[in-house]
Amino acid sequence: MTQVLENVKNAWENFKGEKWKAEIDVRDFILNNVNVFEGDESFLAGATEATKQLWDQVMDLTTKERENGGVLDMDTKIVSSITSHEPGYLNKDIEKVVGFQTEKPFKRSLQPY
């Protein structure tokens, strides 16, 4: 536990300001620690081939959904939560960030709240 407390204490060691350390104050944290970026977008990389392939699949499913006049599929049996469904993929082999809300692309989850 001592190590955890030490890690938490050190986590904000290089940040400025005091008020946000004593109470939840996001505004104070931002005002004390913002670093203005005055450059341009030249440092950004373009989309990878994998991203382009995945985006094409998203656009295809979006078109199909629109042509369908609504959702393509919906789970009406399970109320959605962070663990209610198995992970879903467009193309598991090329995805770097995974995790649709349901186990199938464009299958909508039931969110009654």
PDB file of N, CA and C in Angstrom:
ATOM      1  N   MET A   1       0.826  -1.196   0.000  1.00  0.00           N
ATOM      2  CA  MET A   1       0.000   0.000   0.000  1.00  0.00           C
ATOM      3  C   MET A   1       0.866   1.254   0.000  1.00  0.00           C
ATOM      4  N   THR A   2       1.980   1.203   0.694  1.00  0.00           N
ATOM      5  CA  THR A   2       2.885   2.355   0.741  1.00  0.00           C
ATOM      6  C   THR A   2       3.381   2.710  -0.649  1.00  0.00           C
ATOM      7  N   GLN A   3       3.712   1.682  -1.453  1.00  0.00           N
ATOM      8  CA  GLN A   3       4.189   1.915  -2.817  1.00  0.00           C
ATOM      9  C   GLN A   3       3.101   2.569  -3.664  1.00  0.00           C
ATOM     10  N   VAL A   4       1.872   2.120  -3.502  1.00  0.00           N
ATOM     11  CA  VAL A   4       0.759   2.703  -4.250  1.00  0.00           C
ATOM     12  C   VAL A   4       0.611   4.178  -3.899  1.00  0.00           C
ATOM     13  N   LEU A   5       0.638   4.497  -2.624  1.00  0.00           N
ATOM     14  CA  LEU A   5       0.515   5.896  -2.204  1.00  0.00           C
ATOM     15  C   LEU A   5       1.662   6.741  -2.746  1.00  0.00           C
ATOM     16  N   GLU A   6       2.852   6.180  -2.762  1.00  0.00           N
ATOM     17  CA  GLU A   6       4.008   6.897  -3.297  1.00  0.00           C
ATOM     18  C   GLU A   6       3.831   7.149  -4.793  1.00  0.00           C
ATOM     19  N   ASN A   7       3.324   6.150  -5.519  1.00  0.00           N
ATOM     20  CA  ASN A   7       3.079   6.309  -6.957  1.00  0.00           C
ATOM     21  C   ASN A   7       2.039   7.390  -7.221  1.00  0.00           C
ATOM     22  N   VAL A   8       0.982   7.414  -6.424  1.00  0.00           N
ATOM     23  CA  VAL A   8      -0.059   8.426  -6.588  1.00  0.00           C
ATOM     24  C   VAL A   8       0.521   9.809  -6.310  1.00  0.00           C
ATOM     25  N   LYS A   9       1.290   9.923  -5.254  1.00  0.00           N
ATOM     26  CA  LYS A   9       1.905  11.204  -4.908  1.00  0.00           C
ATOM     27  C   LYS A   9       2.807  11.695  -6.036  1.00  0.00           C
ATOM     28  N   ASN A  10       3.573  10.792  -6.618  1.00  0.00           N
ATOM     29  CA  ASN A  10       4.498  11.162  -7.687  1.00  0.00           C
ATOM     30  C   ASN A  10       3.804  11.375  -9.029  1.00  0.00           C
ATOM     31  N   ALA A  11       2.595  10.887  -9.166  1.00  0.00           N
ATOM     32  CA  ALA A  11       1.903  10.953 -10.454  1.00  0.00           C
ATOM     33  C   ALA A  11       1.725  12.385 -10.941  1.00  0.00           C
ATOM     34  N   TRP A  12       1.567  13.335 -10.041  1.00  0.00           N
ATOM     35  CA  TRP A  12       1.350  14.721 -10.459  1.00  0.00           C
ATOM     36  C   TRP A  12       2.503  15.633 -10.073  1.00  0.00           C
ATOM     37  N   GLU A  13       3.623  15.055  -9.800  1.00  0.00           N
ATOM     38  CA  GLU A  13       4.802  15.792  -9.351  1.00  0.00           C
ATOM     39  C   GLU A  13       5.198  16.951 -10.269  1.00  0.00           C
ATOM     40  N   ASN A  14       5.087  16.811 -11.574  1.00  0.00           N
ATOM     41  CA  ASN A  14       5.513  17.860 -12.505  1.00  0.00           C
ATOM     42  C   ASN A  14       4.379  18.772 -12.967  1.00  0.00           C
ATOM     43  N   PHE A  15       3.188  18.578 -12.413  1.00  0.00           N
ATOM     44  CA  PHE A  15       2.072  19.434 -12.777  1.00  0.00           C
ATOM     45  C   PHE A  15       2.023  20.652 -11.862  1.00  0.00           C
ATOM     46  N   LYS A  16       1.532  21.761 -12.405  1.00  0.00           N
ATOM     47  CA  LYS A  16       1.442  23.016 -11.649  1.00  0.00           C
ATOM     48  C   LYS A  16       0.073  23.132 -10.976  1.00  0.00           C
ATOM     49  N   GLY A  17      -0.002  24.046 -10.023  1.00  0.00           N
ATOM     50  CA  GLY A  17      -1.263  24.311  -9.341  1.00  0.00           C
ATOM     51  C   GLY A  17      -1.382  23.521  -8.054  1.00  0.00           C
ATOM     52  N   GLU A  18      -2.262  23.972  -7.193  1.00  0.00           N
ATOM     53  CA  GLU A  18      -2.454  23.317  -5.896  1.00  0.00           C
ATOM     54  C   GLU A  18      -3.908  22.947  -5.630  1.00  0.00           C
ATOM     55  N   LYS A  19      -4.828  23.821  -6.037  1.00  0.00           N
ATOM     56  CA  LYS A  19      -6.238  23.625  -5.693  1.00  0.00           C
ATOM     57  C   LYS A  19      -6.756  22.269  -6.172  1.00  0.00           C
ATOM     58  N   TRP A  20      -6.426  21.893  -7.420  1.00  0.00           N
ATOM     59  CA  TRP A  20      -6.921  20.644  -7.977  1.00  0.00           C
ATOM     60  C   TRP A  20      -6.343  19.430  -7.264  1.00  0.00           C
ATOM     61  N   LYS A  21      -5.224  19.601  -6.547  1.00  0.00           N
ATOM     62  CA  LYS A  21      -4.631  18.487  -5.798  1.00  0.00           C
ATOM     63  C   LYS A  21      -5.400  18.211  -4.506  1.00  0.00           C
ATOM     64  N   ALA A  22      -6.060  19.225  -3.983  1.00  0.00           N
ATOM     65  CA  ALA A  22      -6.787  19.093  -2.724  1.00  0.00           C
ATOM     66  C   ALA A  22      -8.261  18.752  -2.925  1.00  0.00           C
ATOM     67  N   GLU A  23      -8.807  19.102  -4.085  1.00  0.00           N
ATOM     68  CA  GLU A  23     -10.211  18.831  -4.384  1.00  0.00           C
ATOM     69  C   GLU A  23     -10.360  18.643  -5.886  1.00  0.00           C
ATOM     70  N   ILE A  24     -11.481  18.098  -6.297  1.00  0.00           N
ATOM     71  CA  ILE A  24     -11.705  17.892  -7.727  1.00  0.00           C
ATOM     72  C   ILE A  24     -11.995  19.242  -8.361  1.00  0.00           C
ATOM     73  N   ASP A  25     -11.079  19.685  -9.203  1.00  0.00           N
ATOM     74  CA  ASP A  25     -11.223  20.976  -9.867  1.00  0.00           C
ATOM     75  C   ASP A  25     -10.521  20.904 -11.222  1.00  0.00           C
ATOM     76  N   VAL A  26     -11.231  20.379 -12.193  1.00  0.00           N
ATOM     77  CA  VAL A  26     -10.667  20.186 -13.528  1.00  0.00           C
ATOM     78  C   VAL A  26     -10.275  21.518 -14.145  1.00  0.00           C
ATOM     79  N   ARG A  27     -11.092  22.534 -13.943  1.00  0.00           N
ATOM     80  CA  ARG A  27     -10.793  23.860 -14.505  1.00  0.00           C
ATOM     81  C   ARG A  27      -9.446  24.371 -13.998  1.00  0.00           C
ATOM     82  N   ASP A  28      -9.215  24.253 -12.703  1.00  0.00           N
ATOM     83  CA  ASP A  28      -7.952  24.711 -12.128  1.00  0.00           C
ATOM     84  C   ASP A  28      -6.776  23.926 -12.708  1.00  0.00           C
ATOM     85  N   PHE A  29      -6.957  22.616 -12.850  1.00  0.00           N
ATOM     86  CA  PHE A  29      -5.886  21.796 -13.424  1.00  0.00           C
ATOM     87  C   PHE A  29      -5.558  22.259 -14.840  1.00  0.00           C
ATOM     88  N   ILE A  30      -6.575  22.432 -15.657  1.00  0.00           N
ATOM     89  CA  ILE A  30      -6.357  22.833 -17.054  1.00  0.00           C
ATOM     90  C   ILE A  30      -5.713  24.211 -17.129  1.00  0.00           C
ATOM     91  N   LEU A  31      -6.241  25.161 -16.389  1.00  0.00           N
ATOM     92  CA  LEU A  31      -5.685  26.519 -16.431  1.00  0.00           C
ATOM     93  C   LEU A  31      -4.224  26.563 -16.005  1.00  0.00           C
ATOM     94  N   ASN A  32      -3.837  25.700 -15.093  1.00  0.00           N
ATOM     95  CA  ASN A  32      -2.458  25.684 -14.612  1.00  0.00           C
ATOM     96  C   ASN A  32      -1.514  24.860 -15.481  1.00  0.00           C
ATOM     97  N   ASN A  33      -2.052  23.985 -16.313  1.00  0.00           N
ATOM     98  CA  ASN A  33      -1.181  23.036 -17.005  1.00  0.00           C
ATOM     99  C   ASN A  33      -1.338  22.986 -18.516  1.00  0.00           C
ATOM    100  N   VAL A  34      -2.132  23.867 -19.081  1.00  0.00           N
ATOM    101  CA  VAL A  34      -2.317  23.849 -20.529  1.00  0.00           C
ATOM    102  C   VAL A  34      -1.023  24.267 -21.232  1.00  0.00           C
ATOM    103  N   ASN A  35      -0.730  23.592 -22.321  1.00  0.00           N
ATOM    104  CA  ASN A  35       0.397  23.958 -23.186  1.00  0.00           C
ATOM    105  C   ASN A  35      -0.166  24.220 -24.577  1.00  0.00           C
ATOM    106  N   VAL A  36      -0.114  25.439 -25.006  1.00  0.00           N
ATOM    107  CA  VAL A  36      -0.673  25.816 -26.298  1.00  0.00           C
ATOM    108  C   VAL A  36       0.189  25.237 -27.416  1.00  0.00           C
ATOM    109  N   PHE A  37      -0.464  24.605 -28.385  1.00  0.00           N
ATOM    110  CA  PHE A  37       0.227  24.083 -29.560  1.00  0.00           C
ATOM    111  C   PHE A  37      -0.001  25.058 -30.700  1.00  0.00           C
ATOM    112  N   GLU A  38       1.061  25.614 -31.229  1.00  0.00           N
ATOM    113  CA  GLU A  38       0.934  26.605 -32.294  1.00  0.00           C
ATOM    114  C   GLU A  38       1.463  26.094 -33.622  1.00  0.00           C
ATOM    115  N   GLY A  39       1.689  24.792 -33.701  1.00  0.00           N
ATOM    116  CA  GLY A  39       2.173  24.201 -34.944  1.00  0.00           C
ATOM    117  C   GLY A  39       1.028  23.896 -35.890  1.00  0.00           C
ATOM    118  N   ASP A  40       1.327  23.078 -36.880  1.00  0.00           N
ATOM    119  CA  ASP A  40       0.297  22.661 -37.825  1.00  0.00           C
ATOM    120  C   ASP A  40       0.208  21.136 -37.824  1.00  0.00           C
ATOM    121  N   GLU A  41      -0.536  20.617 -38.773  1.00  0.00           N
ATOM    122  CA  GLU A  41      -0.798  19.182 -38.817  1.00  0.00           C
ATOM    123  C   GLU A  41       0.301  18.371 -39.497  1.00  0.00           C
ATOM    124  N   SER A  42       1.407  18.996 -39.857  1.00  0.00           N
ATOM    125  CA  SER A  42       2.442  18.301 -40.630  1.00  0.00           C
ATOM    126  C   SER A  42       3.062  17.115 -39.889  1.00  0.00           C
ATOM    127  N   PHE A  43       2.931  17.054 -38.576  1.00  0.00           N
ATOM    128  CA  PHE A  43       3.494  15.936 -37.818  1.00  0.00           C
ATOM    129  C   PHE A  43       2.611  14.689 -37.876  1.00  0.00           C
ATOM    130  N   LEU A  44       1.388  14.831 -38.343  1.00  0.00           N
ATOM    131  CA  LEU A  44       0.467  13.704 -38.387  1.00  0.00           C
ATOM    132  C   LEU A  44       0.790  12.759 -39.537  1.00  0.00           C
ATOM    133  N   ALA A  45       0.600  11.487 -39.307  1.00  0.00           N
ATOM    134  CA  ALA A  45       0.773  10.482 -40.356  1.00  0.00           C
ATOM    135  C   ALA A  45      -0.573  10.251 -41.031  1.00  0.00           C
ATOM    136  N   GLY A  46      -0.530   9.814 -42.253  1.00  0.00           N
ATOM    137  CA  GLY A  46      -1.756   9.490 -42.966  1.00  0.00           C
ATOM    138  C   GLY A  46      -2.332   8.169 -42.488  1.00  0.00           C
ATOM    139  N   ALA A  47      -3.496   7.842 -42.979  1.00  0.00           N
ATOM    140  CA  ALA A  47      -4.150   6.587 -42.616  1.00  0.00           C
ATOM    141  C   ALA A  47      -3.358   5.403 -43.161  1.00  0.00           C
ATOM    142  N   THR A  48      -3.279   4.348 -42.374  1.00  0.00           N
ATOM    143  CA  THR A  48      -2.608   3.124 -42.818  1.00  0.00           C
ATOM    144  C   THR A  48      -3.539   2.358 -43.752  1.00  0.00           C
ATOM    145  N   GLU A  49      -3.000   1.382 -44.438  1.00  0.00           N
ATOM    146  CA  GLU A  49      -3.831   0.538 -45.307  1.00  0.00           C
ATOM    147  C   GLU A  49      -4.895  -0.177 -44.484  1.00  0.00           C
ATOM    148  N   ALA A  50      -4.520  -0.631 -43.290  1.00  0.00           N
ATOM    149  CA  ALA A  50      -5.490  -1.303 -42.422  1.00  0.00           C
ATOM    150  C   ALA A  50      -6.632  -0.355 -42.063  1.00  0.00           C
ATOM    151  N   THR A  51      -6.309   0.882 -41.728  1.00  0.00           N
ATOM    152  CA  THR A  51      -7.337   1.867 -41.387  1.00  0.00           C
ATOM    153  C   THR A  51      -8.251   2.115 -42.578  1.00  0.00           C
ATOM    154  N   LYS A  52      -7.675   2.229 -43.761  1.00  0.00           N
ATOM    155  CA  LYS A  52      -8.486   2.450 -44.967  1.00  0.00           C
ATOM    156  C   LYS A  52      -9.425   1.275 -45.214  1.00  0.00           C
ATOM    157  N   GLN A  53      -8.929   0.051 -45.031  1.00  0.00           N
ATOM    158  CA  GLN A  53      -9.776  -1.133 -45.218  1.00  0.00           C
ATOM    159  C   GLN A  53     -10.920  -1.151 -44.207  1.00  0.00           C
ATOM    160  N   LEU A  54     -10.587  -0.882 -42.958  1.00  0.00           N
ATOM    161  CA  LEU A  54     -11.613  -0.874 -41.918  1.00  0.00           C
ATOM    162  C   LEU A  54     -12.636   0.232 -42.154  1.00  0.00           C
ATOM    163  N   TRP A  55     -12.163   1.403 -42.566  1.00  0.00           N
ATOM    164  CA  TRP A  55     -13.081   2.517 -42.825  1.00  0.00           C
ATOM    165  C   TRP A  55     -14.008   2.192 -43.990  1.00  0.00           C
ATOM    166  N   ASP A  56     -13.492   1.532 -45.017  1.00  0.00           N
ATOM    167  CA  ASP A  56     -14.340   1.111 -46.136  1.00  0.00           C
ATOM    168  C   ASP A  56     -15.447   0.182 -45.645  1.00  0.00           C
ATOM    169  N   GLN A  57     -15.111  -0.713 -44.723  1.00  0.00           N
ATOM    170  CA  GLN A  57     -16.118  -1.616 -44.167  1.00  0.00           C
ATOM    171  C   GLN A  57     -17.164  -0.841 -43.364  1.00  0.00           C
ATOM    172  N   VAL A  58     -16.727   0.134 -42.590  1.00  0.00           N
ATOM    173  CA  VAL A  58     -17.658   0.965 -41.817  1.00  0.00           C
ATOM    174  C   VAL A  58     -18.597   1.710 -42.760  1.00  0.00           C
ATOM    175  N   MET A  59     -18.046   2.291 -43.814  1.00  0.00           N
ATOM    176  CA  MET A  59     -18.878   3.041 -44.753  1.00  0.00           C
ATOM    177  C   MET A  59     -19.870   2.130 -45.464  1.00  0.00           C
ATOM    178  N   ASP A  60     -19.447   0.916 -45.805  1.00  0.00           N
ATOM    179  CA  ASP A  60     -20.335  -0.057 -46.441  1.00  0.00           C
ATOM    180  C   ASP A  60     -21.484  -0.418 -45.494  1.00  0.00           C
ATOM    181  N   LEU A  61     -21.174  -0.681 -44.242  1.00  0.00           N
ATOM    182  CA  LEU A  61     -22.217  -1.003 -43.269  1.00  0.00           C
ATOM    183  C   LEU A  61     -23.132   0.190 -43.010  1.00  0.00           C
ATOM    184  N   THR A  62     -22.584   1.388 -43.023  1.00  0.00           N
ATOM    185  CA  THR A  62     -23.392   2.600 -42.847  1.00  0.00           C
ATOM    186  C   THR A  62     -24.391   2.740 -43.993  1.00  0.00           C
ATOM    187  N   THR A  63     -23.924   2.493 -45.206  1.00  0.00           N
ATOM    188  CA  THR A  63     -24.802   2.551 -46.380  1.00  0.00           C
ATOM    189  C   THR A  63     -25.903   1.503 -46.274  1.00  0.00           C
ATOM    190  N   LYS A  64     -25.535   0.276 -45.915  1.00  0.00           N
ATOM    191  CA  LYS A  64     -26.527  -0.801 -45.777  1.00  0.00           C
ATOM    192  C   LYS A  64     -27.558  -0.464 -44.702  1.00  0.00           C
ATOM    193  N   GLU A  65     -27.088   0.120 -43.617  1.00  0.00           N
ATOM    194  CA  GLU A  65     -27.998   0.489 -42.539  1.00  0.00           C
ATOM    195  C   GLU A  65     -28.981   1.562 -43.005  1.00  0.00           C
ATOM    196  N   ARG A  66     -28.465   2.554 -43.716  1.00  0.00           N
ATOM    197  CA  ARG A  66     -29.324   3.628 -44.232  1.00  0.00           C
ATOM    198  C   ARG A  66     -30.341   3.061 -45.231  1.00  0.00           C
ATOM    199  N   GLU A  67     -29.877   2.183 -46.127  1.00  0.00           N
ATOM    200  CA  GLU A  67     -30.776   1.576 -47.113  1.00  0.00           C
ATOM    201  C   GLU A  67     -31.829   0.705 -46.445  1.00  0.00           C
ATOM    202  N   ASN A  68     -31.482   0.147 -45.302  1.00  0.00           N
ATOM    203  CA  ASN A  68     -32.395  -0.702 -44.546  1.00  0.00           C
ATOM    204  C   ASN A  68     -33.477   0.121 -43.840  1.00  0.00           C
ATOM    205  N   GLY A  69     -33.279   1.422 -43.777  1.00  0.00           N
ATOM    206  CA  GLY A  69     -34.261   2.286 -43.140  1.00  0.00           C
ATOM    207  C   GLY A  69     -34.134   2.329 -41.628  1.00  0.00           C
ATOM    208  N   GLY A  70     -33.041   1.845 -41.123  1.00  0.00           N
ATOM    209  CA  GLY A  70     -32.826   1.833 -39.672  1.00  0.00           C
ATOM    210  C   GLY A  70     -31.653   0.944 -39.333  1.00  0.00           C
ATOM    211  N   VAL A  71     -31.665   0.403 -38.144  1.00  0.00           N
ATOM    212  CA  VAL A  71     -30.543  -0.428 -37.718  1.00  0.00           C
ATOM    213  C   VAL A  71     -30.517  -1.750 -38.478  1.00  0.00           C
ATOM    214  N   LEU A  72     -29.322  -2.305 -38.645  1.00  0.00           N
ATOM    215  CA  LEU A  72     -29.183  -3.602 -39.304  1.00  0.00           C
ATOM    216  C   LEU A  72     -29.560  -4.742 -38.368  1.00  0.00           C
ATOM    217  N   ASP A  73     -29.232  -4.582 -37.099  1.00  0.00           N
ATOM    218  CA  ASP A  73     -29.460  -5.637 -36.119  1.00  0.00           C
ATOM    219  C   ASP A  73     -29.515  -4.996 -34.737  1.00  0.00           C
ATOM    220  N   MET A  74     -30.277  -5.619 -33.834  1.00  0.00           N
ATOM    221  CA  MET A  74     -30.350  -5.092 -32.472  1.00  0.00           C
ATOM    222  C   MET A  74     -30.553  -6.233 -31.497  1.00  0.00           C
ATOM    223  N   ASP A  75     -29.816  -6.187 -30.414  1.00  0.00           N
ATOM    224  CA  ASP A  75     -29.982  -7.160 -29.347  1.00  0.00           C
ATOM    225  C   ASP A  75     -31.064  -6.641 -28.415  1.00  0.00           C
ATOM    226  N   THR A  76     -32.211  -7.297 -28.426  1.00  0.00           N
ATOM    227  CA  THR A  76     -33.334  -6.867 -27.585  1.00  0.00           C
ATOM    228  C   THR A  76     -33.489  -7.743 -26.346  1.00  0.00           C
ATOM    229  N   LYS A  77     -32.546  -8.650 -26.138  1.00  0.00           N
ATOM    230  CA  LYS A  77     -32.634  -9.584 -25.013  1.00  0.00           C
ATOM    231  C   LYS A  77     -31.706  -9.220 -23.847  1.00  0.00           C
ATOM    232  N   ILE A  78     -30.565  -8.580 -24.151  1.00  0.00           N
ATOM    233  CA  ILE A  78     -29.565  -8.292 -23.121  1.00  0.00           C
ATOM    234  C   ILE A  78     -29.436  -6.781 -22.953  1.00  0.00           C
ATOM    235  N   VAL A  79     -29.596  -6.317 -21.719  1.00  0.00           N
ATOM    236  CA  VAL A  79     -29.378  -4.899 -21.429  1.00  0.00           C
ATOM    237  C   VAL A  79     -27.879  -4.635 -21.480  1.00  0.00           C
ATOM    238  N   SER A  80     -27.491  -3.596 -22.172  1.00  0.00           N
ATOM    239  CA  SER A  80     -26.084  -3.292 -22.410  1.00  0.00           C
ATOM    240  C   SER A  80     -25.353  -2.855 -21.148  1.00  0.00           C
ATOM    241  N   SER A  81     -24.148  -3.383 -21.004  1.00  0.00           N
ATOM    242  CA  SER A  81     -23.208  -2.913 -19.984  1.00  0.00           C
ATOM    243  C   SER A  81     -21.814  -3.085 -20.569  1.00  0.00           C
ATOM    244  N   ILE A  82     -20.812  -2.705 -19.834  1.00  0.00           N
ATOM    245  CA  ILE A  82     -19.451  -2.799 -20.355  1.00  0.00           C
ATOM    246  C   ILE A  82     -19.018  -4.253 -20.561  1.00  0.00           C
ATOM    247  N   THR A  83     -19.681  -5.190 -19.887  1.00  0.00           N
ATOM    248  CA  THR A  83     -19.310  -6.607 -20.007  1.00  0.00           C
ATOM    249  C   THR A  83     -20.441  -7.489 -20.530  1.00  0.00           C
ATOM    250  N   SER A  84     -21.498  -6.912 -21.040  1.00  0.00           N
ATOM    251  CA  SER A  84     -22.674  -7.696 -21.417  1.00  0.00           C
ATOM    252  C   SER A  84     -22.508  -8.509 -22.694  1.00  0.00           C
ATOM    253  N   HIS A  85     -21.618  -8.098 -23.573  1.00  0.00           N
ATOM    254  CA  HIS A  85     -21.455  -8.779 -24.854  1.00  0.00           C
ATOM    255  C   HIS A  85     -19.995  -9.161 -25.072  1.00  0.00           C
ATOM    256  N   GLU A  86     -19.800 -10.183 -25.873  1.00  0.00           N
ATOM    257  CA  GLU A  86     -18.445 -10.552 -26.282  1.00  0.00           C
ATOM    258  C   GLU A  86     -17.889  -9.431 -27.156  1.00  0.00           C
ATOM    259  N   PRO A  87     -16.561  -9.336 -27.289  1.00  0.00           N
ATOM    260  CA  PRO A  87     -16.001  -8.289 -28.152  1.00  0.00           C
ATOM    261  C   PRO A  87     -16.397  -8.493 -29.607  1.00  0.00           C
ATOM    262  N   GLY A  88     -16.594  -7.404 -30.306  1.00  0.00           N
ATOM    263  CA  GLY A  88     -16.933  -7.459 -31.719  1.00  0.00           C
ATOM    264  C   GLY A  88     -15.830  -6.857 -32.569  1.00  0.00           C
ATOM    265  N   TYR A  89     -15.725  -7.317 -33.781  1.00  0.00           N
ATOM    266  CA  TYR A  89     -14.649  -6.877 -34.675  1.00  0.00           C
ATOM    267  C   TYR A  89     -15.187  -6.653 -36.082  1.00  0.00           C
ATOM    268  N   LEU A  90     -14.567  -5.737 -36.802  1.00  0.00           N
ATOM    269  CA  LEU A  90     -14.778  -5.641 -38.245  1.00  0.00           C
ATOM    270  C   LEU A  90     -13.882  -6.662 -38.919  1.00  0.00           C
ATOM    271  N   ASN A  91     -12.606  -6.607 -38.580  1.00  0.00           N
ATOM    272  CA  ASN A  91     -11.608  -7.522 -39.129  1.00  0.00           C
ATOM    273  C   ASN A  91     -10.535  -7.716 -38.059  1.00  0.00           C
ATOM    274  N   LYS A  92     -10.704  -8.746 -37.259  1.00  0.00           N
ATOM    275  CA  LYS A  92      -9.853  -8.971 -36.081  1.00  0.00           C
ATOM    276  C   LYS A  92      -8.367  -9.010 -36.423  1.00  0.00           C
ATOM    277  N   ASP A  93      -8.032  -9.510 -37.599  1.00  0.00           N
ATOM    278  CA  ASP A  93      -6.623  -9.669 -37.969  1.00  0.00           C
ATOM    279  C   ASP A  93      -5.889  -8.345 -38.165  1.00  0.00           C
ATOM    280  N   ILE A  94      -6.607  -7.292 -38.531  1.00  0.00           N
ATOM    281  CA  ILE A  94      -5.907  -6.026 -38.803  1.00  0.00           C
ATOM    282  C   ILE A  94      -6.240  -4.919 -37.811  1.00  0.00           C
ATOM    283  N   GLU A  95      -7.169  -5.165 -36.904  1.00  0.00           N
ATOM    284  CA  GLU A  95      -7.548  -4.128 -35.942  1.00  0.00           C
ATOM    285  C   GLU A  95      -6.500  -3.963 -34.854  1.00  0.00           C
ATOM    286  N   LYS A  96      -6.241  -2.718 -34.503  1.00  0.00           N
ATOM    287  CA  LYS A  96      -5.331  -2.391 -33.401  1.00  0.00           C
ATOM    288  C   LYS A  96      -6.129  -2.034 -32.148  1.00  0.00           C
ATOM    289  N   VAL A  97      -7.232  -1.340 -32.336  1.00  0.00           N
ATOM    290  CA  VAL A  97      -8.130  -0.977 -31.243  1.00  0.00           C
ATOM    291  C   VAL A  97      -9.406  -1.768 -31.477  1.00  0.00           C
ATOM    292  N   VAL A  98      -9.796  -2.547 -30.507  1.00  0.00           N
ATOM    293  CA  VAL A  98     -10.938  -3.435 -30.699  1.00  0.00           C
ATOM    294  C   VAL A  98     -12.021  -3.152 -29.676  1.00  0.00           C
ATOM    295  N   GLY A  99     -13.196  -3.679 -29.946  1.00  0.00           N
ATOM    296  CA  GLY A  99     -14.236  -3.627 -28.942  1.00  0.00           C
ATOM    297  C   GLY A  99     -15.489  -2.886 -29.327  1.00  0.00           C
ATOM    298  N   PHE A 100     -16.243  -3.428 -30.274  1.00  0.00           N
ATOM    299  CA  PHE A 100     -17.582  -2.898 -30.504  1.00  0.00           C
ATOM    300  C   PHE A 100     -18.397  -3.101 -29.244  1.00  0.00           C
ATOM    301  N   GLN A 101     -19.515  -2.423 -29.141  1.00  0.00           N
ATOM    302  CA  GLN A 101     -20.361  -2.579 -27.956  1.00  0.00           C
ATOM    303  C   GLN A 101     -21.040  -3.941 -27.925  1.00  0.00           C
ATOM    304  N   THR A 102     -21.125  -4.584 -29.070  1.00  0.00           N
ATOM    305  CA  THR A 102     -21.712  -5.921 -29.135  1.00  0.00           C
ATOM    306  C   THR A 102     -20.762  -6.832 -29.900  1.00  0.00           C
ATOM    307  N   GLU A 103     -21.148  -8.086 -30.020  1.00  0.00           N
ATOM    308  CA  GLU A 103     -20.271  -9.075 -30.644  1.00  0.00           C
ATOM    309  C   GLU A 103     -20.282  -9.031 -32.172  1.00  0.00           C
ATOM    310  N   LYS A 104     -21.052  -8.126 -32.744  1.00  0.00           N
ATOM    311  CA  LYS A 104     -21.194  -8.072 -34.201  1.00  0.00           C
ATOM    312  C   LYS A 104     -21.207  -6.614 -34.663  1.00  0.00           C
ATOM    313  N   PRO A 105     -20.490  -6.299 -35.746  1.00  0.00           N
ATOM    314  CA  PRO A 105     -20.487  -4.909 -36.236  1.00  0.00           C
ATOM    315  C   PRO A 105     -21.899  -4.403 -36.545  1.00  0.00           C
ATOM    316  N   PHE A 106     -22.182  -3.211 -36.089  1.00  0.00           N
ATOM    317  CA  PHE A 106     -23.448  -2.517 -36.329  1.00  0.00           C
ATOM    318  C   PHE A 106     -24.654  -3.216 -35.698  1.00  0.00           C
ATOM    319  N   LYS A 107     -24.410  -4.115 -34.759  1.00  0.00           N
ATOM    320  CA  LYS A 107     -25.495  -4.667 -33.956  1.00  0.00           C
ATOM    321  C   LYS A 107     -25.647  -3.732 -32.765  1.00  0.00           C
ATOM    322  N   ARG A 108     -26.797  -3.120 -32.648  1.00  0.00           N
ATOM    323  CA  ARG A 108     -27.028  -2.138 -31.591  1.00  0.00           C
ATOM    324  C   ARG A 108     -27.406  -2.842 -30.294  1.00  0.00           C
ATOM    325  N   SER A 109     -27.016  -2.237 -29.195  1.00  0.00           N
ATOM    326  CA  SER A 109     -27.335  -2.810 -27.889  1.00  0.00           C
ATOM    327  C   SER A 109     -28.529  -2.089 -27.277  1.00  0.00           C
ATOM    328  N   LEU A 110     -29.197  -2.770 -26.377  1.00  0.00           N
ATOM    329  CA  LEU A 110     -30.348  -2.220 -25.675  1.00  0.00           C
ATOM    330  C   LEU A 110     -29.853  -1.392 -24.499  1.00  0.00           C
ATOM    331  N   GLN A 111     -30.181  -0.103 -24.511  1.00  0.00           N
ATOM    332  CA  GLN A 111     -29.744   0.814 -23.454  1.00  0.00           C
ATOM    333  C   GLN A 111     -30.964   1.559 -22.920  1.00  0.00           C
ATOM    334  N   PRO A 112     -31.698   0.932 -22.009  1.00  0.00           N
ATOM    335  CA  PRO A 112     -32.956   1.524 -21.543  1.00  0.00           C
ATOM    336  C   PRO A 112     -32.804   2.665 -20.552  1.00  0.00           C
ATOM    337  N   TYR A 113     -31.595   2.979 -20.136  1.00  0.00           N
ATOM    338  CA  TYR A 113     -31.419   4.027 -19.136  1.00  0.00           C
ATOM    339  C   TYR A 113     -30.957   5.298 -19.768  1.00  0.00           C
TER     340      TYR A 113
END
